[in-house]
């Protein structure tokens, strides 16, 4: 669930009791059952009041929902910050690599590039379709990072400390 959906759900739970109305049920002359908070005048004497108490949200449930929303929002924000930091690190690493000689710090650069690439792949994994391709919503949460194997070699060729 995304943050907006969770927030809207929590808000609807908060205000559901504030706007709760008495609900009535009646059967018209055609045998159709109607349920509404307003009853036409001719059915007032046959309408019955429905018990809606079971569907009301308690103050405890409301508070738990708000806490859950806040917790999930923090988790989403932290994950987005981590993805942005990984993408920035990968970009900076690539920029630094192109700005200095190929021999200086290659293993450190490759380590950062591989880490950012793996994190990107892990982020995209839940959004992969069985029939192939990636769901569009993945790009809201994940940053694509190109495979650094062409620059750094295959993972088996990298020093052990990079393959963690």
N, C-alpha and C. Protein backbone atom coordinates (compact mmCIF):
# COMPACT_ATOMS: atom_id res chain seq x y z
N UNK A 1 0.84 -1.17 0.00
CA UNK A 1 0.00 0.00 0.00
C UNK A 1 0.89 1.24 0.00
N UNK A 2 0.53 2.22 -0.76
CA UNK A 2 1.35 3.42 -0.74
C UNK A 2 0.90 4.36 0.37
N UNK A 3 1.68 5.36 0.62
CA UNK A 3 1.46 6.27 1.74
C UNK A 3 0.12 6.98 1.62
N UNK A 4 -0.22 7.41 0.43
CA UNK A 4 -1.46 8.15 0.24
C UNK A 4 -2.66 7.27 0.58
N UNK A 5 -2.64 6.01 0.16
CA UNK A 5 -3.75 5.10 0.43
C UNK A 5 -3.89 4.86 1.92
N UNK A 6 -2.77 4.62 2.58
CA UNK A 6 -2.79 4.38 4.03
C UNK A 6 -3.33 5.61 4.75
N UNK A 7 -2.89 6.78 4.34
CA UNK A 7 -3.35 8.02 4.96
C UNK A 7 -4.86 8.19 4.79
N UNK A 8 -5.35 7.97 3.58
CA UNK A 8 -6.79 8.12 3.32
C UNK A 8 -7.60 7.11 4.12
N UNK A 9 -7.08 5.90 4.24
CA UNK A 9 -7.77 4.88 5.03
C UNK A 9 -7.85 5.31 6.49
N UNK A 10 -6.74 5.82 7.02
CA UNK A 10 -6.73 6.26 8.42
C UNK A 10 -7.71 7.42 8.62
N UNK A 11 -7.72 8.36 7.68
CA UNK A 11 -8.64 9.50 7.79
C UNK A 11 -10.09 9.04 7.75
N UNK A 12 -10.39 8.10 6.89
CA UNK A 12 -11.78 7.63 6.81
C UNK A 12 -12.18 6.94 8.10
N UNK A 13 -11.23 6.24 8.73
CA UNK A 13 -11.53 5.60 10.01
C UNK A 13 -11.76 6.65 11.09
N UNK A 14 -10.99 7.72 11.04
CA UNK A 14 -11.11 8.78 12.03
C UNK A 14 -12.48 9.44 11.99
N UNK A 15 -12.96 9.71 10.80
CA UNK A 15 -14.16 10.49 10.66
C UNK A 15 -15.42 9.65 10.46
N UNK A 16 -15.28 8.33 10.45
CA UNK A 16 -16.45 7.49 10.19
C UNK A 16 -17.50 7.63 11.27
N UNK A 17 -17.08 7.71 12.53
CA UNK A 17 -18.08 7.84 13.58
C UNK A 17 -18.63 9.25 13.67
N UNK A 18 -17.87 10.23 13.25
CA UNK A 18 -18.35 11.61 13.30
C UNK A 18 -19.56 11.80 12.37
N UNK A 19 -19.58 11.08 11.28
CA UNK A 19 -20.66 11.22 10.32
C UNK A 19 -21.61 10.01 10.34
N UNK A 20 -21.51 9.18 11.35
CA UNK A 20 -22.37 8.00 11.42
C UNK A 20 -23.82 8.45 11.57
N UNK A 21 -24.66 7.80 10.84
CA UNK A 21 -26.08 8.12 10.89
C UNK A 21 -26.84 6.85 11.25
N UNK A 22 -28.08 7.02 11.60
CA UNK A 22 -28.93 5.86 11.85
C UNK A 22 -29.28 5.26 10.50
N UNK A 23 -29.14 3.95 10.40
CA UNK A 23 -29.40 3.24 9.14
C UNK A 23 -30.69 2.43 9.28
N UNK A 24 -31.52 2.52 8.25
CA UNK A 24 -32.81 1.83 8.24
C UNK A 24 -32.89 0.86 7.08
N UNK A 25 -33.74 -0.16 7.29
CA UNK A 25 -33.99 -1.15 6.24
C UNK A 25 -35.51 -1.30 6.09
N UNK A 26 -35.97 -1.42 4.84
CA UNK A 26 -37.38 -1.63 4.59
C UNK A 26 -37.55 -2.34 3.25
N UNK A 27 -38.73 -2.91 3.06
CA UNK A 27 -39.05 -3.62 1.82
C UNK A 27 -40.19 -2.86 1.15
N UNK A 28 -39.99 -2.56 -0.15
CA UNK A 28 -41.02 -1.81 -0.86
C UNK A 28 -42.11 -2.74 -1.39
N UNK A 29 -43.09 -2.17 -2.09
CA UNK A 29 -44.23 -2.95 -2.59
C UNK A 29 -43.83 -3.97 -3.66
N UNK A 30 -42.65 -3.82 -4.26
CA UNK A 30 -42.16 -4.77 -5.26
C UNK A 30 -41.31 -5.88 -4.63
N UNK A 31 -41.17 -5.84 -3.32
CA UNK A 31 -40.39 -6.87 -2.63
C UNK A 31 -38.89 -6.58 -2.58
N UNK A 32 -38.50 -5.40 -3.02
CA UNK A 32 -37.07 -5.03 -2.99
C UNK A 32 -36.70 -4.48 -1.62
N UNK A 33 -35.57 -4.95 -1.11
CA UNK A 33 -35.09 -4.47 0.18
C UNK A 33 -34.24 -3.24 -0.04
N UNK A 34 -34.48 -2.22 0.77
CA UNK A 34 -33.72 -0.97 0.69
C UNK A 34 -33.03 -0.73 2.03
N UNK A 35 -31.83 -0.17 1.97
CA UNK A 35 -31.09 0.20 3.17
C UNK A 35 -30.58 1.61 2.96
N UNK A 36 -30.90 2.51 3.90
CA UNK A 36 -30.51 3.91 3.74
C UNK A 36 -30.58 4.61 5.09
N UNK A 37 -30.01 5.82 5.12
CA UNK A 37 -30.13 6.62 6.34
C UNK A 37 -31.37 7.52 6.29
N UNK A 38 -32.05 7.54 5.15
CA UNK A 38 -33.31 8.27 5.05
C UNK A 38 -34.39 7.31 4.54
N UNK A 39 -35.57 7.44 5.09
CA UNK A 39 -36.68 6.55 4.72
C UNK A 39 -37.78 7.40 4.11
N UNK A 40 -38.29 7.00 2.94
CA UNK A 40 -39.43 7.73 2.38
C UNK A 40 -40.61 7.69 3.36
N UNK A 41 -41.38 8.73 3.35
CA UNK A 41 -42.49 8.88 4.31
C UNK A 41 -43.42 7.66 4.33
N UNK A 42 -43.73 7.09 3.16
CA UNK A 42 -44.69 5.99 3.13
C UNK A 42 -44.16 4.69 3.73
N UNK A 43 -42.81 4.60 3.97
CA UNK A 43 -42.24 3.39 4.56
C UNK A 43 -41.78 3.60 6.00
N UNK A 44 -42.03 4.77 6.56
CA UNK A 44 -41.58 5.08 7.92
C UNK A 44 -42.10 4.06 8.93
N UNK A 45 -43.34 3.62 8.77
CA UNK A 45 -43.91 2.70 9.76
C UNK A 45 -43.41 1.26 9.61
N UNK A 46 -42.84 0.89 8.45
CA UNK A 46 -42.34 -0.49 8.26
C UNK A 46 -40.80 -0.58 8.29
N UNK A 47 -40.15 0.54 8.30
CA UNK A 47 -38.67 0.54 8.32
C UNK A 47 -38.16 0.13 9.70
N UNK A 48 -37.10 -0.65 9.70
CA UNK A 48 -36.49 -1.04 10.97
C UNK A 48 -35.08 -0.46 11.05
N UNK A 49 -34.72 -0.10 12.25
CA UNK A 49 -33.39 0.47 12.49
C UNK A 49 -32.38 -0.69 12.56
N UNK A 50 -31.26 -0.54 11.83
CA UNK A 50 -30.22 -1.57 11.83
C UNK A 50 -29.17 -1.25 12.88
N UNK A 51 -28.63 -2.30 13.49
CA UNK A 51 -27.58 -2.14 14.49
C UNK A 51 -26.24 -2.01 13.76
N UNK A 52 -25.64 -0.84 13.85
CA UNK A 52 -24.34 -0.59 13.19
C UNK A 52 -23.20 -0.51 14.19
N UNK A 53 -23.48 -0.84 15.43
CA UNK A 53 -22.46 -0.73 16.48
C UNK A 53 -21.23 -1.59 16.17
N UNK A 54 -21.42 -2.77 15.60
CA UNK A 54 -20.29 -3.67 15.32
C UNK A 54 -19.31 -3.08 14.31
N UNK A 55 -19.77 -2.18 13.48
CA UNK A 55 -18.89 -1.61 12.46
C UNK A 55 -18.20 -0.32 12.90
N UNK A 56 -18.45 0.11 14.11
CA UNK A 56 -17.82 1.34 14.60
C UNK A 56 -16.39 1.07 15.02
N UNK A 57 -15.56 2.06 14.81
CA UNK A 57 -14.15 1.97 15.16
C UNK A 57 -13.95 2.55 16.56
N UNK A 58 -13.30 1.77 17.42
CA UNK A 58 -13.07 2.24 18.78
C UNK A 58 -11.92 3.26 18.78
N UNK A 59 -11.82 4.00 19.86
CA UNK A 59 -10.73 4.97 19.98
C UNK A 59 -9.37 4.26 19.95
N UNK A 60 -9.30 3.09 20.56
CA UNK A 60 -8.05 2.31 20.57
C UNK A 60 -7.68 1.89 19.14
N UNK A 61 -8.66 1.39 18.38
CA UNK A 61 -8.41 0.99 16.99
C UNK A 61 -7.98 2.20 16.16
N UNK A 62 -8.61 3.32 16.39
CA UNK A 62 -8.27 4.54 15.65
C UNK A 62 -6.83 4.95 15.94
N UNK A 63 -6.45 4.91 17.21
CA UNK A 63 -5.08 5.28 17.61
C UNK A 63 -4.07 4.30 17.02
N UNK A 64 -4.38 3.00 17.04
CA UNK A 64 -3.48 2.00 16.46
C UNK A 64 -3.30 2.24 14.96
N UNK A 65 -4.38 2.60 14.29
CA UNK A 65 -4.30 2.87 12.85
C UNK A 65 -3.42 4.08 12.58
N UNK A 66 -3.57 5.13 13.38
CA UNK A 66 -2.74 6.32 13.19
C UNK A 66 -1.26 6.01 13.44
N UNK A 67 -0.99 5.21 14.47
CA UNK A 67 0.40 4.82 14.76
C UNK A 67 0.97 3.98 13.63
N UNK A 68 0.17 3.07 13.09
CA UNK A 68 0.61 2.22 11.98
C UNK A 68 0.90 3.07 10.74
N UNK A 69 0.03 4.05 10.47
CA UNK A 69 0.25 4.94 9.33
C UNK A 69 1.56 5.71 9.50
N UNK A 70 1.79 6.23 10.69
CA UNK A 70 3.01 7.00 10.95
C UNK A 70 4.24 6.11 10.80
N UNK A 71 4.16 4.89 11.33
CA UNK A 71 5.29 3.95 11.23
C UNK A 71 5.57 3.58 9.77
N UNK A 72 4.52 3.27 9.01
CA UNK A 72 4.70 2.90 7.61
C UNK A 72 5.21 4.08 6.79
N UNK A 73 4.77 5.27 7.10
CA UNK A 73 5.26 6.46 6.40
C UNK A 73 6.75 6.66 6.67
N UNK A 74 7.16 6.49 7.93
CA UNK A 74 8.60 6.60 8.26
C UNK A 74 9.41 5.55 7.50
N UNK A 75 8.90 4.32 7.44
CA UNK A 75 9.61 3.25 6.74
C UNK A 75 9.75 3.58 5.25
N UNK A 76 8.69 4.07 4.65
CA UNK A 76 8.72 4.43 3.23
C UNK A 76 9.69 5.58 3.00
N UNK A 77 9.65 6.59 3.87
CA UNK A 77 10.57 7.72 3.74
C UNK A 77 12.02 7.27 3.88
N UNK A 78 12.30 6.39 4.85
CA UNK A 78 13.67 5.89 5.04
C UNK A 78 14.13 5.09 3.83
N UNK A 79 13.24 4.26 3.29
CA UNK A 79 13.60 3.47 2.11
C UNK A 79 13.86 4.38 0.91
N UNK A 80 13.05 5.42 0.74
CA UNK A 80 13.26 6.36 -0.36
C UNK A 80 14.57 7.10 -0.20
N UNK A 81 14.90 7.50 1.03
CA UNK A 81 16.18 8.19 1.27
C UNK A 81 17.35 7.26 0.96
N UNK A 82 17.24 5.99 1.38
CA UNK A 82 18.31 5.03 1.12
C UNK A 82 18.50 4.82 -0.38
N UNK A 83 17.40 4.72 -1.11
CA UNK A 83 17.51 4.53 -2.57
C UNK A 83 18.15 5.75 -3.22
N UNK A 84 17.73 6.93 -2.78
CA UNK A 84 18.29 8.16 -3.34
C UNK A 84 19.78 8.25 -3.03
N UNK A 85 20.17 7.88 -1.81
CA UNK A 85 21.58 7.91 -1.45
C UNK A 85 22.38 6.92 -2.27
N UNK A 86 21.84 5.74 -2.50
CA UNK A 86 22.53 4.73 -3.31
C UNK A 86 22.70 5.20 -4.75
N UNK A 87 21.64 5.80 -5.28
CA UNK A 87 21.73 6.30 -6.66
C UNK A 87 22.73 7.44 -6.75
N UNK A 88 22.73 8.32 -5.75
CA UNK A 88 23.67 9.43 -5.74
C UNK A 88 25.10 8.91 -5.62
N UNK A 89 25.30 7.91 -4.76
CA UNK A 89 26.63 7.33 -4.60
C UNK A 89 27.10 6.69 -5.91
N UNK A 90 26.19 6.02 -6.58
CA UNK A 90 26.55 5.39 -7.85
C UNK A 90 26.90 6.44 -8.90
N UNK A 91 26.14 7.51 -8.94
CA UNK A 91 26.40 8.58 -9.90
C UNK A 91 27.71 9.28 -9.59
N UNK A 92 27.92 9.59 -8.31
CA UNK A 92 29.17 10.24 -7.91
C UNK A 92 30.36 9.34 -8.19
N UNK A 93 30.18 8.07 -7.91
CA UNK A 93 31.27 7.12 -8.14
C UNK A 93 31.62 7.05 -9.62
N UNK A 94 30.60 7.03 -10.45
CA UNK A 94 30.84 6.99 -11.90
C UNK A 94 31.50 8.28 -12.37
N UNK A 95 31.05 9.42 -11.82
CA UNK A 95 31.65 10.71 -12.17
C UNK A 95 33.11 10.77 -11.74
N UNK A 96 33.38 10.30 -10.52
CA UNK A 96 34.75 10.30 -10.01
C UNK A 96 35.63 9.38 -10.82
N UNK A 97 35.08 8.25 -11.21
CA UNK A 97 35.86 7.30 -11.99
C UNK A 97 36.27 7.90 -13.34
N UNK A 98 35.35 8.61 -13.97
CA UNK A 98 35.67 9.20 -15.26
C UNK A 98 36.62 10.39 -15.11
N UNK A 99 36.67 11.00 -13.92
CA UNK A 99 37.52 12.17 -13.71
C UNK A 99 38.95 11.82 -13.32
N UNK A 100 39.20 10.59 -12.89
CA UNK A 100 40.56 10.23 -12.48
C UNK A 100 41.06 9.03 -13.26
N UNK A 101 42.33 8.77 -13.17
CA UNK A 101 42.91 7.64 -13.91
C UNK A 101 42.24 6.32 -13.52
N UNK A 102 42.19 5.40 -14.47
CA UNK A 102 41.50 4.13 -14.28
C UNK A 102 42.12 3.29 -13.17
N UNK A 103 43.37 3.47 -12.84
CA UNK A 103 44.02 2.62 -11.85
C UNK A 103 43.76 3.07 -10.43
N UNK A 104 43.36 4.32 -10.20
CA UNK A 104 43.23 4.81 -8.83
C UNK A 104 41.89 4.43 -8.24
N UNK A 105 41.91 3.60 -7.20
CA UNK A 105 40.72 3.23 -6.45
C UNK A 105 39.68 2.45 -7.22
N UNK A 106 40.06 1.68 -8.21
CA UNK A 106 39.09 0.95 -9.03
C UNK A 106 38.26 0.01 -8.16
N UNK A 107 38.91 -0.67 -7.24
CA UNK A 107 38.17 -1.64 -6.45
C UNK A 107 37.16 -0.95 -5.55
N UNK A 108 37.49 0.24 -4.99
CA UNK A 108 36.53 0.97 -4.17
C UNK A 108 35.36 1.47 -5.01
N UNK A 109 35.66 2.01 -6.19
CA UNK A 109 34.60 2.48 -7.09
C UNK A 109 33.69 1.33 -7.50
N UNK A 110 34.30 0.22 -7.87
CA UNK A 110 33.53 -0.94 -8.30
C UNK A 110 32.69 -1.48 -7.15
N UNK A 111 33.23 -1.43 -5.97
CA UNK A 111 32.47 -1.89 -4.81
C UNK A 111 31.21 -1.05 -4.63
N UNK A 112 31.35 0.25 -4.72
CA UNK A 112 30.18 1.14 -4.58
C UNK A 112 29.19 0.94 -5.72
N UNK A 113 29.71 0.82 -6.92
CA UNK A 113 28.84 0.61 -8.08
C UNK A 113 28.08 -0.72 -7.96
N UNK A 114 28.78 -1.77 -7.56
CA UNK A 114 28.13 -3.08 -7.43
C UNK A 114 27.09 -3.04 -6.30
N UNK A 115 27.40 -2.39 -5.20
CA UNK A 115 26.46 -2.29 -4.09
C UNK A 115 25.20 -1.55 -4.54
N UNK A 116 25.39 -0.41 -5.22
CA UNK A 116 24.23 0.35 -5.70
C UNK A 116 23.42 -0.47 -6.70
N UNK A 117 24.11 -1.22 -7.55
CA UNK A 117 23.43 -2.06 -8.54
C UNK A 117 22.61 -3.15 -7.85
N UNK A 118 23.20 -3.83 -6.87
CA UNK A 118 22.49 -4.89 -6.14
C UNK A 118 21.27 -4.32 -5.40
N UNK A 119 21.44 -3.15 -4.77
CA UNK A 119 20.31 -2.53 -4.07
C UNK A 119 19.19 -2.18 -5.05
N UNK A 120 19.56 -1.70 -6.21
CA UNK A 120 18.56 -1.38 -7.23
C UNK A 120 17.82 -2.65 -7.67
N UNK A 121 18.58 -3.73 -7.90
CA UNK A 121 17.96 -4.98 -8.32
C UNK A 121 17.02 -5.53 -7.24
N UNK A 122 17.43 -5.42 -5.97
CA UNK A 122 16.59 -5.87 -4.86
C UNK A 122 15.31 -5.05 -4.77
N UNK A 123 15.43 -3.76 -5.03
CA UNK A 123 14.25 -2.89 -4.99
C UNK A 123 13.27 -3.25 -6.10
N UNK A 124 13.78 -3.50 -7.30
CA UNK A 124 12.92 -3.79 -8.45
C UNK A 124 12.32 -5.20 -8.40
N UNK A 125 12.96 -6.12 -7.68
CA UNK A 125 12.53 -7.53 -7.69
C UNK A 125 11.05 -7.73 -7.42
N UNK A 126 10.45 -7.10 -6.41
CA UNK A 126 9.02 -7.35 -6.16
C UNK A 126 8.10 -6.84 -7.27
N UNK A 127 8.61 -6.00 -8.14
CA UNK A 127 7.78 -5.41 -9.20
C UNK A 127 7.94 -6.12 -10.55
N UNK A 128 8.67 -7.21 -10.57
CA UNK A 128 8.89 -7.93 -11.82
C UNK A 128 7.64 -8.75 -12.16
N UNK A 129 7.26 -8.75 -13.42
CA UNK A 129 6.10 -9.51 -13.88
C UNK A 129 6.55 -10.92 -14.25
N UNK A 130 5.69 -11.89 -14.03
CA UNK A 130 6.00 -13.28 -14.36
C UNK A 130 6.23 -13.43 -15.86
N UNK A 131 5.42 -12.73 -16.65
CA UNK A 131 5.54 -12.82 -18.10
C UNK A 131 6.67 -11.97 -18.66
N UNK A 132 7.40 -11.30 -17.78
CA UNK A 132 8.53 -10.47 -18.20
C UNK A 132 8.21 -8.99 -18.06
N UNK A 133 9.23 -8.21 -17.86
CA UNK A 133 9.06 -6.77 -17.73
C UNK A 133 8.87 -6.35 -16.28
N UNK A 134 8.76 -5.05 -16.10
CA UNK A 134 8.65 -4.46 -14.77
C UNK A 134 7.40 -3.60 -14.71
N UNK A 135 6.68 -3.68 -13.59
CA UNK A 135 5.50 -2.83 -13.42
C UNK A 135 5.95 -1.38 -13.30
N UNK A 136 5.18 -0.47 -13.88
CA UNK A 136 5.51 0.96 -13.91
C UNK A 136 5.70 1.56 -12.52
N UNK A 137 4.92 1.11 -11.54
CA UNK A 137 4.98 1.70 -10.21
C UNK A 137 6.35 1.52 -9.56
N UNK A 138 7.14 0.57 -10.06
CA UNK A 138 8.48 0.35 -9.49
C UNK A 138 9.33 1.60 -9.60
N UNK A 139 9.14 2.35 -10.67
CA UNK A 139 9.96 3.54 -10.90
C UNK A 139 9.62 4.69 -9.95
N UNK A 140 8.50 4.56 -9.22
CA UNK A 140 8.19 5.53 -8.17
C UNK A 140 9.08 5.31 -6.96
N UNK A 141 9.45 4.04 -6.72
CA UNK A 141 10.15 3.68 -5.50
C UNK A 141 11.60 3.27 -5.72
N UNK A 142 11.94 2.88 -6.92
CA UNK A 142 13.27 2.34 -7.19
C UNK A 142 14.00 3.20 -8.22
N UNK A 143 15.31 3.25 -8.09
CA UNK A 143 16.14 3.98 -9.04
C UNK A 143 16.93 2.97 -9.87
N UNK A 144 16.79 3.00 -11.19
CA UNK A 144 17.56 2.07 -12.01
C UNK A 144 19.05 2.43 -11.96
N UNK A 145 19.87 1.42 -11.73
CA UNK A 145 21.32 1.59 -11.72
C UNK A 145 21.87 0.61 -12.75
N UNK A 146 22.67 1.09 -13.71
CA UNK A 146 23.19 0.19 -14.75
C UNK A 146 24.17 -0.83 -14.17
N UNK A 147 24.22 -2.00 -14.78
CA UNK A 147 25.13 -3.07 -14.36
C UNK A 147 26.57 -2.61 -14.60
N UNK A 148 27.38 -2.56 -13.54
CA UNK A 148 28.75 -2.08 -13.67
C UNK A 148 29.74 -3.14 -14.16
N UNK A 149 29.26 -4.33 -14.54
CA UNK A 149 30.15 -5.41 -14.95
C UNK A 149 31.04 -5.03 -16.13
N UNK A 150 30.53 -4.22 -17.03
CA UNK A 150 31.33 -3.85 -18.19
C UNK A 150 32.52 -2.97 -17.78
N UNK A 151 32.37 -2.20 -16.71
CA UNK A 151 33.45 -1.34 -16.23
C UNK A 151 34.34 -2.07 -15.24
N UNK A 152 33.74 -2.91 -14.42
CA UNK A 152 34.45 -3.51 -13.29
C UNK A 152 34.79 -4.98 -13.50
N UNK A 153 34.24 -5.60 -14.51
CA UNK A 153 34.42 -7.03 -14.68
C UNK A 153 33.28 -7.77 -14.00
N UNK A 154 33.26 -9.08 -14.17
CA UNK A 154 32.22 -9.89 -13.55
C UNK A 154 32.46 -9.97 -12.05
N UNK A 155 31.39 -10.18 -11.26
CA UNK A 155 31.57 -10.22 -9.81
C UNK A 155 32.61 -11.23 -9.34
N UNK A 156 32.76 -12.34 -9.99
CA UNK A 156 33.76 -13.33 -9.60
C UNK A 156 35.18 -12.81 -9.78
N UNK A 157 35.35 -11.81 -10.62
CA UNK A 157 36.67 -11.26 -10.88
C UNK A 157 37.04 -10.15 -9.89
N UNK A 158 36.06 -9.72 -9.08
CA UNK A 158 36.32 -8.65 -8.13
C UNK A 158 36.90 -9.22 -6.84
N UNK A 159 37.59 -8.42 -6.07
CA UNK A 159 38.11 -8.90 -4.79
C UNK A 159 36.98 -9.38 -3.89
N UNK A 160 37.27 -10.35 -3.00
CA UNK A 160 36.26 -10.96 -2.13
C UNK A 160 35.46 -9.94 -1.34
N UNK A 161 36.08 -8.86 -0.89
CA UNK A 161 35.37 -7.91 -0.04
C UNK A 161 34.25 -7.19 -0.78
N UNK A 162 34.27 -7.22 -2.10
CA UNK A 162 33.21 -6.58 -2.89
C UNK A 162 32.01 -7.50 -3.03
N UNK A 163 32.21 -8.81 -3.01
CA UNK A 163 31.15 -9.77 -3.27
C UNK A 163 30.32 -10.11 -2.04
N UNK A 164 30.29 -9.29 -1.05
CA UNK A 164 29.52 -9.59 0.15
C UNK A 164 28.06 -9.39 -0.08
